[in-house]
Amino acid sequence: MITSVAPGTSGFAATRIESKETMNSRQLDIFDDSRDTVLCNDVVVTLERRDTVSAGAAWAAFAEEFPDHESLAPLSVLVEALEQRVAAPFQDHESLHDARGALCDVIQSQR
């Protein structure tokens, strides 16, 4: 195992770096082996910002690289709901209730 200390650091701030050659070849690297998580999180962030264009683009990038990922279907429902969002508020509580019920039905059918 090769270890080194990051230049200009000492004590707790010192960083131990292991050579990749000495690491177990079966050990996962969270940055190299979790691209699906990164892309999924990109979709979630755009949904949270209610950014319709970016959400669709992030979902498409995720789907292109991981077409069989289990999160694609539920995320597509949310992206589509965002795309169908209307600028006008609901007229009454019943309209909101109906829209919510329809969305819940779609989400449940994806399970």
C-alpha atoms as a PDB file:
ATOM      1  CA  MET A   1       0.000   0.000   0.000  1.00  0.00           C
ATOM      2  CA  ILE A   2       1.354   3.378  -0.971  1.00  0.00           C
ATOM      3  CA  THR A   3       0.410   6.242   1.281  1.00  0.00           C
ATOM      4  CA  SER A   4       1.242   9.878   1.087  1.00  0.00           C
ATOM      5  CA  VAL A   5       0.366  13.127   2.761  1.00  0.00           C
ATOM      6  CA  ALA A   6      -1.181  15.913   0.751  1.00  0.00           C
ATOM      7  CA  PRO A   7       1.324  18.758   0.366  1.00  0.00           C
ATOM      8  CA  GLY A   8       0.935  21.574   2.864  1.00  0.00           C
ATOM      9  CA  THR A   9      -1.209  19.552   5.301  1.00  0.00           C
ATOM     10  CA  SER A  10      -0.536  17.946   8.622  1.00  0.00           C
ATOM     11  CA  GLY A  11      -2.367  16.207  11.410  1.00  0.00           C
ATOM     12  CA  PHE A  12      -6.079  15.662  10.853  1.00  0.00           C
ATOM     13  CA  ALA A  13      -5.983  17.521   7.543  1.00  0.00           C
ATOM     14  CA  ALA A  14      -3.380  15.118   6.170  1.00  0.00           C
ATOM     15  CA  THR A  15      -4.835  12.884   3.520  1.00  0.00           C
ATOM     16  CA  ARG A  16      -3.954   9.255   3.106  1.00  0.00           C
ATOM     17  CA  ILE A  17      -3.934   8.259  -0.528  1.00  0.00           C
ATOM     18  CA  GLU A  18      -3.868   4.632  -1.559  1.00  0.00           C
ATOM     19  CA  SER A  19      -2.513   3.659  -4.940  1.00  0.00           C
ATOM     20  CA  LYS A  20      -5.252   2.253  -7.199  1.00  0.00           C
ATOM     21  CA  GLU A  21      -2.885  -0.549  -8.190  1.00  0.00           C
ATOM     22  CA  THR A  22      -2.852  -1.865  -4.631  1.00  0.00           C
ATOM     23  CA  MET A  23      -6.585  -1.566  -4.024  1.00  0.00           C
ATOM     24  CA  ASN A  24      -8.707  -4.674  -4.232  1.00  0.00           C
ATOM     25  CA  SER A  25      -9.992  -4.871  -7.810  1.00  0.00           C
ATOM     26  CA  ARG A  26     -13.487  -5.679  -6.500  1.00  0.00           C
ATOM     27  CA  GLN A  27     -13.708  -2.537  -4.374  1.00  0.00           C
ATOM     28  CA  LEU A  28     -16.209  -0.008  -5.687  1.00  0.00           C
ATOM     29  CA  ASP A  29     -15.279   3.589  -6.218  1.00  0.00           C
ATOM     30  CA  ILE A  30     -18.294   5.754  -5.406  1.00  0.00           C
ATOM     31  CA  PHE A  31     -17.400   8.204  -8.155  1.00  0.00           C
ATOM     32  CA  ASP A  32     -16.584   5.692 -10.884  1.00  0.00           C
ATOM     33  CA  ASP A  33     -19.246   3.116 -10.082  1.00  0.00           C
ATOM     34  CA  SER A  34     -22.307   5.199  -9.249  1.00  0.00           C
ATOM     35  CA  ARG A  35     -22.940   7.205 -12.396  1.00  0.00           C
ATOM     36  CA  ASP A  36     -26.553   6.052 -12.267  1.00  0.00           C
ATOM     37  CA  THR A  37     -26.965   7.697  -8.867  1.00  0.00           C
ATOM     38  CA  VAL A  38     -25.425  10.931 -10.124  1.00  0.00           C
ATOM     39  CA  LEU A  39     -27.752  11.038 -13.149  1.00  0.00           C
ATOM     40  CA  CYS A  40     -30.795  10.140 -11.044  1.00  0.00           C
ATOM     41  CA  ASN A  41     -29.943  12.935  -8.612  1.00  0.00           C
ATOM     42  CA  ASP A  42     -29.597  15.350 -11.535  1.00  0.00           C
ATOM     43  CA  VAL A  43     -33.214  14.606 -12.475  1.00  0.00           C
ATOM     44  CA  VAL A  44     -34.395  15.031  -8.886  1.00  0.00           C
ATOM     45  CA  VAL A  45     -32.634  18.385  -8.502  1.00  0.00           C
ATOM     46  CA  THR A  46     -34.256  19.749 -11.659  1.00  0.00           C
ATOM     47  CA  LEU A  47     -37.647  18.508 -10.489  1.00  0.00           C
ATOM     48  CA  GLU A  48     -37.172  20.253  -7.150  1.00  0.00           C
ATOM     49  CA  ARG A  49     -36.345  23.485  -9.004  1.00  0.00           C
ATOM     50  CA  ARG A  50     -39.434  22.942 -11.206  1.00  0.00           C
ATOM     51  CA  ASP A  51     -37.214  23.402 -14.249  1.00  0.00           C
ATOM     52  CA  THR A  52     -39.211  21.668 -16.979  1.00  0.00           C
ATOM     53  CA  VAL A  53     -36.622  21.878 -19.753  1.00  0.00           C
ATOM     54  CA  SER A  54     -33.713  20.730 -17.600  1.00  0.00           C
ATOM     55  CA  ALA A  55     -35.775  17.937 -16.028  1.00  0.00           C
ATOM     56  CA  GLY A  56     -36.595  16.500 -19.437  1.00  0.00           C
ATOM     57  CA  ALA A  57     -32.985  16.762 -20.568  1.00  0.00           C
ATOM     58  CA  ALA A  58     -31.645  15.200 -17.348  1.00  0.00           C
ATOM     59  CA  TRP A  59     -34.176  12.371 -17.602  1.00  0.00           C
ATOM     60  CA  ALA A  60     -33.209  11.726 -21.246  1.00  0.00           C
ATOM     61  CA  ALA A  61     -29.503  11.578 -20.345  1.00  0.00           C
ATOM     62  CA  PHE A  62     -30.267   9.164 -17.503  1.00  0.00           C
ATOM     63  CA  ALA A  63     -32.446   6.987 -19.758  1.00  0.00           C
ATOM     64  CA  GLU A  64     -29.804   6.915 -22.476  1.00  0.00           C
ATOM     65  CA  GLU A  65     -27.092   5.590 -20.176  1.00  0.00           C
ATOM     66  CA  PHE A  66     -29.280   3.383 -17.968  1.00  0.00           C
ATOM     67  CA  PRO A  67     -32.349   2.350 -20.014  1.00  0.00           C
ATOM     68  CA  ASP A  68     -33.337  -0.420 -17.574  1.00  0.00           C
ATOM     69  CA  HIS A  69     -32.916   1.516 -14.321  1.00  0.00           C
ATOM     70  CA  GLU A  70     -35.800   1.042 -11.904  1.00  0.00           C
ATOM     71  CA  SER A  71     -36.100   4.774 -11.206  1.00  0.00           C
ATOM     72  CA  LEU A  72     -36.788   5.785 -14.810  1.00  0.00           C
ATOM     73  CA  ALA A  73     -40.522   5.033 -14.838  1.00  0.00           C
ATOM     74  CA  PRO A  74     -41.367   6.894 -11.612  1.00  0.00           C
ATOM     75  CA  LEU A  75     -39.168   9.817 -12.623  1.00  0.00           C
ATOM     76  CA  SER A  76     -40.835   9.987 -16.031  1.00  0.00           C
ATOM     77  CA  VAL A  77     -44.213  10.359 -14.317  1.00  0.00           C
ATOM     78  CA  LEU A  78     -42.883  13.289 -12.315  1.00  0.00           C
ATOM     79  CA  VAL A  79     -41.221  14.902 -15.343  1.00  0.00           C
ATOM     80  CA  GLU A  80     -44.447  14.548 -17.345  1.00  0.00           C
ATOM     81  CA  ALA A  81     -46.457  16.009 -14.458  1.00  0.00           C
ATOM     82  CA  LEU A  82     -44.085  18.970 -14.385  1.00  0.00           C
ATOM     83  CA  GLU A  83     -44.438  19.405 -18.142  1.00  0.00           C
ATOM     84  CA  GLN A  84     -48.231  19.365 -17.857  1.00  0.00           C
ATOM     85  CA  ARG A  85     -48.230  21.884 -15.039  1.00  0.00           C
ATOM     86  CA  VAL A  86     -50.600  24.712 -15.712  1.00  0.00           C
ATOM     87  CA  ALA A  87     -49.869  28.304 -14.842  1.00  0.00           C
ATOM     88  CA  ALA A  88     -53.409  28.986 -13.657  1.00  0.00           C
ATOM     89  CA  PRO A  89     -54.329  27.874 -10.143  1.00  0.00           C
ATOM     90  CA  PHE A  90     -57.025  25.270  -9.611  1.00  0.00           C
ATOM     91  CA  GLN A  91     -60.526  26.695  -9.592  1.00  0.00           C
ATOM     92  CA  ASP A  92     -61.591  24.881  -6.449  1.00  0.00           C
ATOM     93  CA  HIS A  93     -60.666  22.139  -4.022  1.00  0.00           C
ATOM     94  CA  GLU A  94     -62.503  19.516  -6.065  1.00  0.00           C
ATOM     95  CA  SER A  95     -60.409  20.297  -9.162  1.00  0.00           C
ATOM     96  CA  LEU A  96     -57.231  19.952  -7.129  1.00  0.00           C
ATOM     97  CA  HIS A  97     -58.501  16.696  -5.619  1.00  0.00           C
ATOM     98  CA  ASP A  98     -59.293  15.283  -9.078  1.00  0.00           C
ATOM     99  CA  ALA A  99     -55.888  16.239 -10.493  1.00  0.00           C
ATOM    100  CA  ARG A 100     -54.108  14.759  -7.497  1.00  0.00           C
ATOM    101  CA  GLY A 101     -56.114  11.544  -7.798  1.00  0.00           C
ATOM    102  CA  ALA A 102     -55.276  11.211 -11.479  1.00  0.00           C
ATOM    103  CA  LEU A 103     -51.565  11.662 -10.760  1.00  0.00           C
ATOM    104  CA  CYS A 104     -51.711   9.146  -7.909  1.00  0.00           C
ATOM    105  CA  ASP A 105     -53.357   6.622 -10.250  1.00  0.00           C
ATOM    106  CA  VAL A 106     -50.550   7.044 -12.772  1.00  0.00           C
ATOM    107  CA  ILE A 107     -47.887   6.661 -10.078  1.00  0.00           C
ATOM    108  CA  GLN A 108     -49.569   3.550  -8.647  1.00  0.00           C
ATOM    109  CA  SER A 109     -49.808   1.958 -12.097  1.00  0.00           C
ATOM    110  CA  GLN A 110     -46.000   2.287 -12.425  1.00  0.00           C
ATOM    111  CA  ARG A 111     -45.362  -0.004  -9.439  1.00  0.00           C
END
